[in-house]
N, C-alpha and C. Protein backbone atom coordinates (compact mmCIF):
# COMPACT_ATOMS: atom_id res chain seq x y z
N UNK A 1 0.69 19.54 13.57
CA UNK A 1 0.60 18.49 14.57
C UNK A 1 2.00 18.25 15.11
N UNK A 2 2.35 18.93 16.16
CA UNK A 2 3.72 18.87 16.67
C UNK A 2 3.91 17.83 17.77
N UNK A 3 2.87 17.49 18.48
CA UNK A 3 3.04 16.53 19.57
C UNK A 3 3.21 15.12 19.02
N UNK A 4 3.67 14.24 19.89
CA UNK A 4 3.94 12.85 19.49
C UNK A 4 2.65 12.16 19.06
N UNK A 5 2.75 11.30 18.06
CA UNK A 5 1.55 10.58 17.62
C UNK A 5 1.09 9.56 18.66
N UNK A 6 -0.21 9.29 18.67
CA UNK A 6 -0.76 8.26 19.54
C UNK A 6 -0.42 6.87 18.98
N UNK A 7 -0.34 6.77 17.66
CA UNK A 7 -0.05 5.50 17.00
C UNK A 7 0.91 5.76 15.83
N UNK A 8 1.80 4.81 15.60
CA UNK A 8 2.68 4.84 14.43
C UNK A 8 2.53 3.50 13.74
N UNK A 9 2.26 3.56 12.43
CA UNK A 9 2.08 2.35 11.64
C UNK A 9 3.06 2.33 10.48
N UNK A 10 3.65 1.18 10.28
CA UNK A 10 4.58 0.97 9.18
C UNK A 10 3.84 0.26 8.04
N UNK A 11 3.79 0.94 6.88
CA UNK A 11 3.12 0.40 5.71
C UNK A 11 4.15 0.08 4.63
N UNK A 12 4.04 -1.10 4.04
CA UNK A 12 4.89 -1.48 2.92
C UNK A 12 4.15 -1.18 1.63
N UNK A 13 4.85 -0.54 0.68
CA UNK A 13 4.29 -0.26 -0.64
C UNK A 13 5.01 -1.19 -1.62
N UNK A 14 4.29 -2.19 -2.15
CA UNK A 14 4.91 -3.25 -2.93
C UNK A 14 4.29 -3.35 -4.32
N UNK A 15 5.03 -4.00 -5.22
CA UNK A 15 4.52 -4.28 -6.56
C UNK A 15 5.63 -4.14 -7.58
N UNK A 16 5.34 -4.61 -8.77
CA UNK A 16 6.31 -4.57 -9.86
C UNK A 16 6.70 -3.13 -10.21
N UNK A 17 7.78 -3.00 -10.95
CA UNK A 17 8.24 -1.69 -11.41
C UNK A 17 7.15 -1.03 -12.26
N UNK A 18 7.01 0.25 -12.10
CA UNK A 18 6.12 1.10 -12.92
C UNK A 18 4.63 0.88 -12.70
N UNK A 19 4.24 0.31 -11.56
CA UNK A 19 2.81 0.17 -11.28
C UNK A 19 2.23 1.43 -10.62
N UNK A 20 3.10 2.33 -10.17
CA UNK A 20 2.63 3.58 -9.59
C UNK A 20 2.81 3.73 -8.10
N UNK A 21 3.69 2.93 -7.50
CA UNK A 21 3.90 2.99 -6.04
C UNK A 21 4.39 4.37 -5.60
N UNK A 22 5.42 4.87 -6.27
CA UNK A 22 5.99 6.17 -5.88
C UNK A 22 5.02 7.29 -6.20
N UNK A 23 4.34 7.21 -7.33
CA UNK A 23 3.35 8.25 -7.68
C UNK A 23 2.23 8.29 -6.65
N UNK A 24 1.76 7.11 -6.23
CA UNK A 24 0.71 7.06 -5.21
C UNK A 24 1.21 7.63 -3.89
N UNK A 25 2.39 7.20 -3.47
CA UNK A 25 2.94 7.68 -2.21
C UNK A 25 3.10 9.20 -2.25
N UNK A 26 3.67 9.70 -3.32
CA UNK A 26 3.88 11.14 -3.45
C UNK A 26 2.55 11.89 -3.46
N UNK A 27 1.56 11.37 -4.16
CA UNK A 27 0.23 12.00 -4.22
C UNK A 27 -0.39 12.05 -2.83
N UNK A 28 -0.27 10.96 -2.09
CA UNK A 28 -0.85 10.91 -0.75
C UNK A 28 -0.14 11.86 0.21
N UNK A 29 1.18 11.88 0.15
CA UNK A 29 1.96 12.71 1.08
C UNK A 29 1.81 14.20 0.76
N UNK A 30 1.89 14.56 -0.53
CA UNK A 30 1.95 15.99 -0.91
C UNK A 30 0.68 16.51 -1.58
N UNK A 31 -0.16 15.60 -2.08
CA UNK A 31 -1.34 16.03 -2.83
C UNK A 31 -1.04 16.35 -4.29
N UNK A 32 0.20 16.12 -4.71
CA UNK A 32 0.63 16.46 -6.07
C UNK A 32 0.97 15.18 -6.82
N UNK A 33 0.58 15.12 -8.11
CA UNK A 33 0.91 13.97 -8.95
C UNK A 33 2.22 14.22 -9.67
N UNK A 34 3.13 13.26 -9.58
CA UNK A 34 4.39 13.32 -10.31
C UNK A 34 4.27 12.30 -11.44
N UNK A 35 4.26 12.80 -12.68
CA UNK A 35 4.00 11.95 -13.84
C UNK A 35 5.09 10.92 -14.10
N UNK A 36 6.34 11.32 -13.97
CA UNK A 36 7.46 10.41 -14.24
C UNK A 36 8.45 10.45 -13.09
N UNK A 37 8.10 9.79 -11.99
CA UNK A 37 9.04 9.81 -10.86
C UNK A 37 10.29 9.01 -11.21
N UNK A 38 11.36 9.32 -10.51
CA UNK A 38 12.60 8.58 -10.75
C UNK A 38 12.43 7.15 -10.25
N UNK A 39 13.22 6.26 -10.81
CA UNK A 39 13.21 4.86 -10.41
C UNK A 39 13.60 4.75 -8.93
N UNK A 40 12.82 4.00 -8.18
CA UNK A 40 13.15 3.77 -6.77
C UNK A 40 14.29 2.77 -6.70
N UNK A 41 15.39 3.22 -6.12
CA UNK A 41 16.56 2.35 -5.94
C UNK A 41 16.48 1.77 -4.54
N UNK A 42 16.17 0.48 -4.46
CA UNK A 42 16.05 -0.16 -3.14
C UNK A 42 14.73 0.16 -2.49
N UNK A 43 14.77 1.10 -1.56
CA UNK A 43 13.56 1.49 -0.84
C UNK A 43 13.65 2.97 -0.49
N UNK A 44 12.54 3.67 -0.58
CA UNK A 44 12.42 5.05 -0.13
C UNK A 44 11.49 5.09 1.06
N UNK A 45 11.74 6.03 1.96
CA UNK A 45 10.96 6.15 3.19
C UNK A 45 10.21 7.47 3.19
N UNK A 46 8.94 7.42 3.53
CA UNK A 46 8.11 8.62 3.63
C UNK A 46 7.31 8.52 4.92
N UNK A 47 6.84 9.66 5.40
CA UNK A 47 5.93 9.61 6.55
C UNK A 47 4.92 10.74 6.44
N UNK A 48 3.78 10.49 7.03
CA UNK A 48 2.71 11.49 7.05
C UNK A 48 2.01 11.38 8.39
N UNK A 49 1.82 12.54 9.02
CA UNK A 49 1.07 12.60 10.27
C UNK A 49 -0.33 13.07 9.95
N UNK A 50 -1.30 12.36 10.52
CA UNK A 50 -2.69 12.72 10.31
C UNK A 50 -3.42 12.78 11.65
N UNK A 51 -4.44 13.61 11.69
CA UNK A 51 -5.28 13.71 12.89
C UNK A 51 -6.65 13.17 12.52
N UNK A 52 -7.12 12.20 13.28
CA UNK A 52 -8.39 11.56 13.01
C UNK A 52 -9.53 12.31 13.67
N UNK A 53 -10.74 11.97 13.29
CA UNK A 53 -11.93 12.63 13.83
C UNK A 53 -12.02 12.50 15.35
N UNK A 54 -11.47 11.41 15.91
CA UNK A 54 -11.51 11.22 17.36
C UNK A 54 -10.34 11.90 18.07
N UNK A 55 -9.66 12.81 17.38
CA UNK A 55 -8.51 13.57 17.89
C UNK A 55 -7.27 12.72 18.13
N UNK A 56 -7.28 11.50 17.69
CA UNK A 56 -6.08 10.66 17.77
C UNK A 56 -5.13 11.09 16.67
N UNK A 57 -3.83 11.09 16.99
CA UNK A 57 -2.81 11.44 16.02
C UNK A 57 -2.09 10.16 15.57
N UNK A 58 -1.97 10.02 14.27
CA UNK A 58 -1.36 8.82 13.69
C UNK A 58 -0.23 9.23 12.77
N UNK A 59 0.86 8.51 12.88
CA UNK A 59 1.97 8.70 11.95
C UNK A 59 2.06 7.45 11.08
N UNK A 60 1.97 7.65 9.76
CA UNK A 60 2.13 6.55 8.82
C UNK A 60 3.54 6.60 8.25
N UNK A 61 4.26 5.53 8.42
CA UNK A 61 5.59 5.39 7.81
C UNK A 61 5.39 4.54 6.58
N UNK A 62 5.68 5.08 5.41
CA UNK A 62 5.46 4.36 4.16
C UNK A 62 6.82 3.98 3.57
N UNK A 63 7.01 2.69 3.41
CA UNK A 63 8.25 2.15 2.87
C UNK A 63 7.97 1.73 1.43
N UNK A 64 8.44 2.51 0.50
CA UNK A 64 8.19 2.33 -0.94
C UNK A 64 9.33 1.51 -1.54
N UNK A 65 9.03 0.25 -1.86
CA UNK A 65 10.05 -0.67 -2.37
C UNK A 65 10.18 -0.59 -3.87
N UNK A 66 11.42 -0.57 -4.34
CA UNK A 66 11.68 -0.64 -5.77
C UNK A 66 11.11 -1.94 -6.31
N UNK A 67 10.42 -1.86 -7.44
CA UNK A 67 9.74 -3.03 -7.97
C UNK A 67 10.60 -3.96 -8.80
N UNK A 68 11.80 -3.52 -9.13
CA UNK A 68 12.67 -4.38 -9.92
C UNK A 68 13.15 -5.56 -9.09
N UNK A 69 13.27 -6.69 -9.72
CA UNK A 69 13.64 -7.92 -9.02
C UNK A 69 14.97 -7.80 -8.29
N UNK A 70 15.89 -7.01 -8.80
CA UNK A 70 17.21 -6.89 -8.18
C UNK A 70 17.15 -6.27 -6.78
N UNK A 71 16.04 -5.62 -6.42
CA UNK A 71 15.91 -5.02 -5.09
C UNK A 71 15.13 -5.89 -4.12
N UNK A 72 14.59 -6.99 -4.59
CA UNK A 72 13.71 -7.81 -3.77
C UNK A 72 14.41 -8.42 -2.56
N UNK A 73 15.73 -8.56 -2.62
CA UNK A 73 16.46 -9.14 -1.48
C UNK A 73 16.31 -8.29 -0.22
N UNK A 74 15.96 -7.02 -0.36
CA UNK A 74 15.79 -6.13 0.79
C UNK A 74 14.48 -6.39 1.55
N UNK A 75 13.49 -6.89 0.84
CA UNK A 75 12.15 -7.01 1.40
C UNK A 75 12.05 -7.86 2.66
N UNK A 76 12.69 -9.04 2.73
CA UNK A 76 12.53 -9.84 3.95
C UNK A 76 12.93 -9.08 5.22
N UNK A 77 14.05 -8.39 5.18
CA UNK A 77 14.52 -7.66 6.36
C UNK A 77 13.62 -6.48 6.68
N UNK A 78 13.28 -5.70 5.65
CA UNK A 78 12.48 -4.49 5.87
C UNK A 78 11.01 -4.79 6.17
N UNK A 79 10.55 -6.01 5.91
CA UNK A 79 9.16 -6.38 6.22
C UNK A 79 8.92 -6.51 7.71
N UNK A 80 9.96 -6.87 8.43
CA UNK A 80 9.82 -7.09 9.87
C UNK A 80 9.26 -5.83 10.56
N UNK A 81 8.28 -6.03 11.42
CA UNK A 81 7.70 -4.92 12.16
C UNK A 81 6.65 -4.13 11.39
N UNK A 82 6.29 -4.60 10.22
CA UNK A 82 5.28 -3.89 9.42
C UNK A 82 3.89 -4.16 9.96
N UNK A 83 3.02 -3.17 9.79
CA UNK A 83 1.64 -3.30 10.24
C UNK A 83 0.67 -3.65 9.11
N UNK A 84 1.04 -3.30 7.88
CA UNK A 84 0.19 -3.59 6.72
C UNK A 84 1.03 -3.45 5.46
N UNK A 85 0.52 -4.03 4.38
CA UNK A 85 1.18 -3.91 3.08
C UNK A 85 0.15 -3.54 2.03
N UNK A 86 0.56 -2.69 1.11
CA UNK A 86 -0.26 -2.33 -0.04
C UNK A 86 0.44 -2.90 -1.26
N UNK A 87 -0.20 -3.84 -1.92
CA UNK A 87 0.36 -4.41 -3.15
C UNK A 87 -0.34 -3.75 -4.32
N UNK A 88 0.43 -3.04 -5.14
CA UNK A 88 -0.15 -2.37 -6.30
C UNK A 88 0.05 -3.18 -7.55
N UNK A 89 -0.98 -3.20 -8.37
CA UNK A 89 -0.88 -3.72 -9.73
C UNK A 89 -1.49 -2.67 -10.64
N UNK A 90 -1.08 -2.68 -11.89
CA UNK A 90 -1.55 -1.74 -12.90
C UNK A 90 -2.75 -2.38 -13.59
N UNK A 91 -3.89 -1.71 -13.60
CA UNK A 91 -5.10 -2.30 -14.21
C UNK A 91 -4.94 -2.55 -15.70
N UNK A 92 -3.88 -1.99 -16.32
CA UNK A 92 -3.65 -2.20 -17.75
C UNK A 92 -2.63 -3.31 -18.01
N UNK A 93 -2.23 -4.05 -16.95
CA UNK A 93 -1.20 -5.08 -17.12
C UNK A 93 -1.51 -6.31 -16.25
N UNK A 94 -1.91 -7.39 -16.87
CA UNK A 94 -2.20 -8.63 -16.15
C UNK A 94 -0.96 -9.15 -15.43
N UNK A 95 0.20 -9.02 -16.05
CA UNK A 95 1.46 -9.51 -15.49
C UNK A 95 1.72 -8.92 -14.10
N UNK A 96 1.37 -7.66 -13.91
CA UNK A 96 1.64 -7.02 -12.61
C UNK A 96 0.77 -7.60 -11.51
N UNK A 97 -0.41 -8.09 -11.86
CA UNK A 97 -1.28 -8.75 -10.87
C UNK A 97 -0.75 -10.14 -10.55
N UNK A 98 -0.25 -10.82 -11.54
CA UNK A 98 0.19 -12.21 -11.36
C UNK A 98 1.44 -12.35 -10.49
N UNK A 99 2.14 -11.26 -10.21
CA UNK A 99 3.31 -11.36 -9.33
C UNK A 99 2.94 -11.25 -7.85
N UNK A 100 1.66 -11.04 -7.56
CA UNK A 100 1.19 -10.92 -6.17
C UNK A 100 1.65 -12.07 -5.27
N UNK A 101 1.51 -13.34 -5.68
CA UNK A 101 1.88 -14.43 -4.76
C UNK A 101 3.34 -14.37 -4.30
N UNK A 102 4.24 -13.97 -5.17
CA UNK A 102 5.65 -13.87 -4.80
C UNK A 102 5.86 -12.84 -3.70
N UNK A 103 5.29 -11.66 -3.88
CA UNK A 103 5.41 -10.59 -2.90
C UNK A 103 4.76 -10.99 -1.57
N UNK A 104 3.56 -11.55 -1.65
CA UNK A 104 2.83 -11.95 -0.43
C UNK A 104 3.62 -12.99 0.35
N UNK A 105 4.19 -13.95 -0.35
CA UNK A 105 4.95 -15.00 0.31
C UNK A 105 6.08 -14.41 1.15
N UNK A 106 6.82 -13.47 0.59
CA UNK A 106 7.93 -12.84 1.30
C UNK A 106 7.41 -12.08 2.53
N UNK A 107 6.34 -11.32 2.34
CA UNK A 107 5.80 -10.52 3.45
C UNK A 107 5.26 -11.42 4.56
N UNK A 108 4.49 -12.43 4.21
CA UNK A 108 3.90 -13.31 5.23
C UNK A 108 4.99 -14.05 6.02
N UNK A 109 6.06 -14.46 5.36
CA UNK A 109 7.15 -15.17 6.05
C UNK A 109 7.91 -14.25 7.01
N UNK A 110 7.94 -12.97 6.74
CA UNK A 110 8.77 -12.06 7.52
C UNK A 110 8.01 -11.07 8.38
N UNK A 111 6.77 -10.78 8.05
CA UNK A 111 5.99 -9.82 8.84
C UNK A 111 4.79 -10.48 9.51
N UNK A 112 4.55 -11.75 9.20
CA UNK A 112 3.41 -12.43 9.78
C UNK A 112 2.13 -12.17 9.00
N UNK A 113 1.03 -12.39 9.64
CA UNK A 113 -0.27 -12.29 8.97
C UNK A 113 -0.83 -10.88 9.05
N UNK A 114 -0.09 -9.93 8.50
CA UNK A 114 -0.54 -8.54 8.50
C UNK A 114 -1.56 -8.33 7.38
N UNK A 115 -2.40 -7.29 7.50
CA UNK A 115 -3.34 -7.01 6.41
C UNK A 115 -2.59 -6.65 5.12
N UNK A 116 -3.02 -7.24 4.02
CA UNK A 116 -2.45 -6.91 2.72
C UNK A 116 -3.59 -6.43 1.84
N UNK A 117 -3.43 -5.22 1.32
CA UNK A 117 -4.45 -4.60 0.49
C UNK A 117 -4.03 -4.71 -0.97
N UNK A 118 -4.91 -5.20 -1.79
CA UNK A 118 -4.66 -5.29 -3.23
C UNK A 118 -5.19 -4.01 -3.86
N UNK A 119 -4.27 -3.24 -4.45
CA UNK A 119 -4.60 -1.92 -4.98
C UNK A 119 -4.43 -1.90 -6.49
N UNK A 120 -5.52 -1.69 -7.19
CA UNK A 120 -5.47 -1.51 -8.64
C UNK A 120 -5.16 -0.05 -8.94
N UNK A 121 -4.00 0.20 -9.51
CA UNK A 121 -3.59 1.58 -9.80
C UNK A 121 -3.96 1.96 -11.23
N UNK A 122 -3.89 3.24 -11.48
CA UNK A 122 -4.13 3.82 -12.81
C UNK A 122 -5.58 3.64 -13.27
N UNK A 123 -6.51 3.80 -12.33
CA UNK A 123 -7.93 3.65 -12.69
C UNK A 123 -8.39 4.71 -13.68
N UNK A 124 -7.58 5.74 -13.88
CA UNK A 124 -7.89 6.76 -14.88
C UNK A 124 -7.71 6.22 -16.31
N UNK A 125 -7.06 5.07 -16.44
CA UNK A 125 -6.84 4.46 -17.75
C UNK A 125 -7.88 3.38 -18.05
N UNK A 126 -9.12 3.63 -17.67
CA UNK A 126 -10.21 2.67 -17.83
C UNK A 126 -10.32 2.16 -19.27
N UNK A 127 -10.08 3.01 -20.24
CA UNK A 127 -10.18 2.61 -21.65
C UNK A 127 -9.13 1.58 -22.05
N UNK A 128 -8.08 1.45 -21.24
CA UNK A 128 -6.99 0.50 -21.53
C UNK A 128 -6.97 -0.66 -20.55
N UNK A 129 -8.03 -0.79 -19.76
CA UNK A 129 -8.11 -1.82 -18.72
C UNK A 129 -7.94 -3.22 -19.32
N UNK A 130 -7.10 -4.02 -18.66
CA UNK A 130 -6.91 -5.43 -19.01
C UNK A 130 -7.42 -6.30 -17.87
N UNK A 131 -7.19 -5.87 -16.63
CA UNK A 131 -7.61 -6.62 -15.44
C UNK A 131 -8.98 -6.10 -15.01
N UNK A 132 -9.99 -6.98 -15.10
CA UNK A 132 -11.33 -6.57 -14.68
C UNK A 132 -11.38 -6.48 -13.15
N UNK A 133 -12.32 -5.70 -12.65
CA UNK A 133 -12.50 -5.59 -11.21
C UNK A 133 -12.86 -6.95 -10.62
N UNK A 134 -13.67 -7.72 -11.35
CA UNK A 134 -14.08 -9.04 -10.87
C UNK A 134 -12.88 -9.98 -10.76
N UNK A 135 -12.01 -9.96 -11.77
CA UNK A 135 -10.83 -10.83 -11.75
C UNK A 135 -9.90 -10.44 -10.61
N UNK A 136 -9.73 -9.14 -10.39
CA UNK A 136 -8.87 -8.68 -9.30
C UNK A 136 -9.46 -9.07 -7.94
N UNK A 137 -10.76 -8.94 -7.80
CA UNK A 137 -11.41 -9.32 -6.54
C UNK A 137 -11.26 -10.81 -6.29
N UNK A 138 -11.40 -11.60 -7.34
CA UNK A 138 -11.21 -13.05 -7.22
C UNK A 138 -9.77 -13.37 -6.79
N UNK A 139 -8.81 -12.68 -7.38
CA UNK A 139 -7.40 -12.85 -7.03
C UNK A 139 -7.17 -12.44 -5.57
N UNK A 140 -7.79 -11.34 -5.18
CA UNK A 140 -7.68 -10.85 -3.80
C UNK A 140 -8.19 -11.90 -2.82
N UNK A 141 -9.35 -12.46 -3.10
CA UNK A 141 -9.93 -13.49 -2.22
C UNK A 141 -9.07 -14.74 -2.20
N UNK A 142 -8.60 -15.16 -3.35
CA UNK A 142 -7.77 -16.38 -3.46
C UNK A 142 -6.50 -16.27 -2.62
N UNK A 143 -5.92 -15.07 -2.57
CA UNK A 143 -4.66 -14.87 -1.86
C UNK A 143 -4.84 -14.22 -0.49
N UNK A 144 -6.09 -14.25 0.00
CA UNK A 144 -6.42 -13.81 1.35
C UNK A 144 -6.01 -12.36 1.63
N UNK A 145 -6.20 -11.51 0.65
CA UNK A 145 -5.95 -10.08 0.86
C UNK A 145 -7.09 -9.51 1.69
N UNK A 146 -6.79 -8.49 2.45
CA UNK A 146 -7.78 -7.87 3.33
C UNK A 146 -8.88 -7.17 2.55
N UNK A 147 -8.49 -6.49 1.47
CA UNK A 147 -9.47 -5.74 0.68
C UNK A 147 -8.86 -5.41 -0.67
N UNK A 148 -9.72 -5.27 -1.67
CA UNK A 148 -9.31 -4.82 -3.00
C UNK A 148 -9.85 -3.40 -3.20
N UNK A 149 -8.97 -2.51 -3.62
CA UNK A 149 -9.35 -1.12 -3.89
C UNK A 149 -8.76 -0.71 -5.24
N UNK A 150 -9.40 0.25 -5.91
CA UNK A 150 -8.82 0.84 -7.11
C UNK A 150 -8.72 2.34 -6.90
N UNK A 151 -7.69 2.93 -7.51
CA UNK A 151 -7.47 4.35 -7.34
C UNK A 151 -6.64 4.90 -8.50
N UNK A 152 -6.52 6.21 -8.53
CA UNK A 152 -5.68 6.87 -9.53
C UNK A 152 -4.85 7.94 -8.85
N UNK A 153 -3.53 7.76 -8.86
CA UNK A 153 -2.65 8.80 -8.32
C UNK A 153 -2.72 10.05 -9.20
N UNK A 154 -2.97 9.85 -10.48
CA UNK A 154 -3.01 10.98 -11.41
C UNK A 154 -4.17 11.92 -11.10
N UNK A 155 -5.37 11.36 -10.97
CA UNK A 155 -6.55 12.20 -10.71
C UNK A 155 -6.80 12.40 -9.22
N UNK A 156 -6.20 11.55 -8.40
CA UNK A 156 -6.44 11.60 -6.95
C UNK A 156 -7.65 10.77 -6.53
N UNK A 157 -8.33 10.16 -7.49
CA UNK A 157 -9.54 9.39 -7.18
C UNK A 157 -9.23 8.24 -6.23
N UNK A 158 -9.89 8.24 -5.08
CA UNK A 158 -9.85 7.18 -4.07
C UNK A 158 -8.51 7.07 -3.33
N UNK A 159 -7.62 8.04 -3.49
CA UNK A 159 -6.32 7.98 -2.80
C UNK A 159 -6.50 8.21 -1.31
N UNK A 160 -7.06 9.34 -0.93
CA UNK A 160 -7.27 9.65 0.49
C UNK A 160 -8.16 8.59 1.15
N UNK A 161 -9.22 8.20 0.46
CA UNK A 161 -10.17 7.23 1.01
C UNK A 161 -9.49 5.89 1.28
N UNK A 162 -8.60 5.48 0.40
CA UNK A 162 -7.89 4.21 0.58
C UNK A 162 -7.02 4.24 1.82
N UNK A 163 -6.26 5.31 2.00
CA UNK A 163 -5.40 5.41 3.17
C UNK A 163 -6.22 5.58 4.45
N UNK A 164 -7.35 6.28 4.36
CA UNK A 164 -8.23 6.40 5.52
C UNK A 164 -8.75 5.03 5.93
N UNK A 165 -9.17 4.24 4.96
CA UNK A 165 -9.68 2.90 5.25
C UNK A 165 -8.61 2.05 5.92
N UNK A 166 -7.40 2.08 5.37
CA UNK A 166 -6.29 1.30 5.92
C UNK A 166 -5.97 1.76 7.35
N UNK A 167 -5.93 3.07 7.56
CA UNK A 167 -5.63 3.60 8.89
C UNK A 167 -6.71 3.21 9.89
N UNK A 168 -7.97 3.32 9.50
CA UNK A 168 -9.06 2.93 10.40
C UNK A 168 -8.98 1.46 10.77
N UNK A 169 -8.67 0.62 9.79
CA UNK A 169 -8.55 -0.81 10.07
C UNK A 169 -7.41 -1.06 11.07
N UNK A 170 -6.29 -0.39 10.89
CA UNK A 170 -5.15 -0.56 11.81
C UNK A 170 -5.50 -0.03 13.20
N UNK A 171 -6.24 1.06 13.26
CA UNK A 171 -6.68 1.60 14.56
C UNK A 171 -7.60 0.60 15.26
N UNK A 172 -8.52 0.00 14.51
CA UNK A 172 -9.42 -1.01 15.08
C UNK A 172 -8.63 -2.19 15.63
N UNK A 173 -7.61 -2.64 14.87
CA UNK A 173 -6.78 -3.75 15.34
C UNK A 173 -6.01 -3.37 16.60
N UNK A 174 -5.52 -2.13 16.67
CA UNK A 174 -4.79 -1.66 17.86
C UNK A 174 -5.73 -1.65 19.06
N UNK A 175 -6.96 -1.20 18.85
CA UNK A 175 -7.94 -1.15 19.94
C UNK A 175 -8.25 -2.57 20.43
N UNK A 176 -8.46 -3.50 19.50
CA UNK A 176 -8.74 -4.89 19.88
C UNK A 176 -7.58 -5.48 20.68
N UNK A 177 -6.37 -5.20 20.24
CA UNK A 177 -5.18 -5.69 20.93
C UNK A 177 -5.10 -5.12 22.34
N UNK A 178 -5.38 -3.82 22.48
CA UNK A 178 -5.33 -3.17 23.79
C UNK A 178 -6.42 -3.74 24.72
N UNK A 179 -7.58 -4.06 24.13
CA UNK A 179 -8.68 -4.60 24.94
C UNK A 179 -8.39 -5.99 25.48
N UNK A 180 -7.51 -6.74 24.79
CA UNK A 180 -7.19 -8.10 25.24
C UNK A 180 -6.07 -8.12 26.26
N UNK A 181 -5.44 -6.98 26.45
CA UNK A 181 -4.29 -6.96 27.39
C UNK A 181 -4.71 -6.51 28.76
C-alpha cells in the first residue's frame, strides 16, 4: 500500500508496566509474539497501514507509553490530537485494572472525550484469572469506556479483531463528522 492513506488515526496504548502493551503492539504490527520485550522508556511509536473492505486505506499510529509512573509526565502532551486510547490491564492482576481512573483522567483532560477501550490482556492465562469479565465490564461502564475487550498477544486471540473494531468505530466517527460539515 504505497499511496497516501485516506485516514490516519492516532491511538494511545496505556496501562501499568508489564500489562502487555508492547507485546500487543508488536503482535499486531508484525504478527509475532515477543515474550520478554524490553522496558518501554517514555514512549515508542509504531504505525501500520491497512486496507479495509471498502478499499479505504488507513494508517494507525500507535503510541505505546511506558507504564512506569516516572514516564507519566509525558502523557498530557502526547495525548493531544489522539483519536482513541486503549487501556490495558492484566486479567491476573486487580491492581492493573484499578489504575484506570488515573490514566483516563489524564487522557480526557488533554485529548477530550475520545473513545477509550478497556482491554483485558493475557487471556491465555485463564487459569490465573483474578479480574472476572463481569467485574471488568462493570468497571468499563462505570468509567464510561467505549467497549471492553479481552485478548492474548501470546496466542493472537482477538488481536486483529480488536483493532478492526477500533478502526471501524473511528471510521464511523469520521464519516459522521464529514456528514455534519
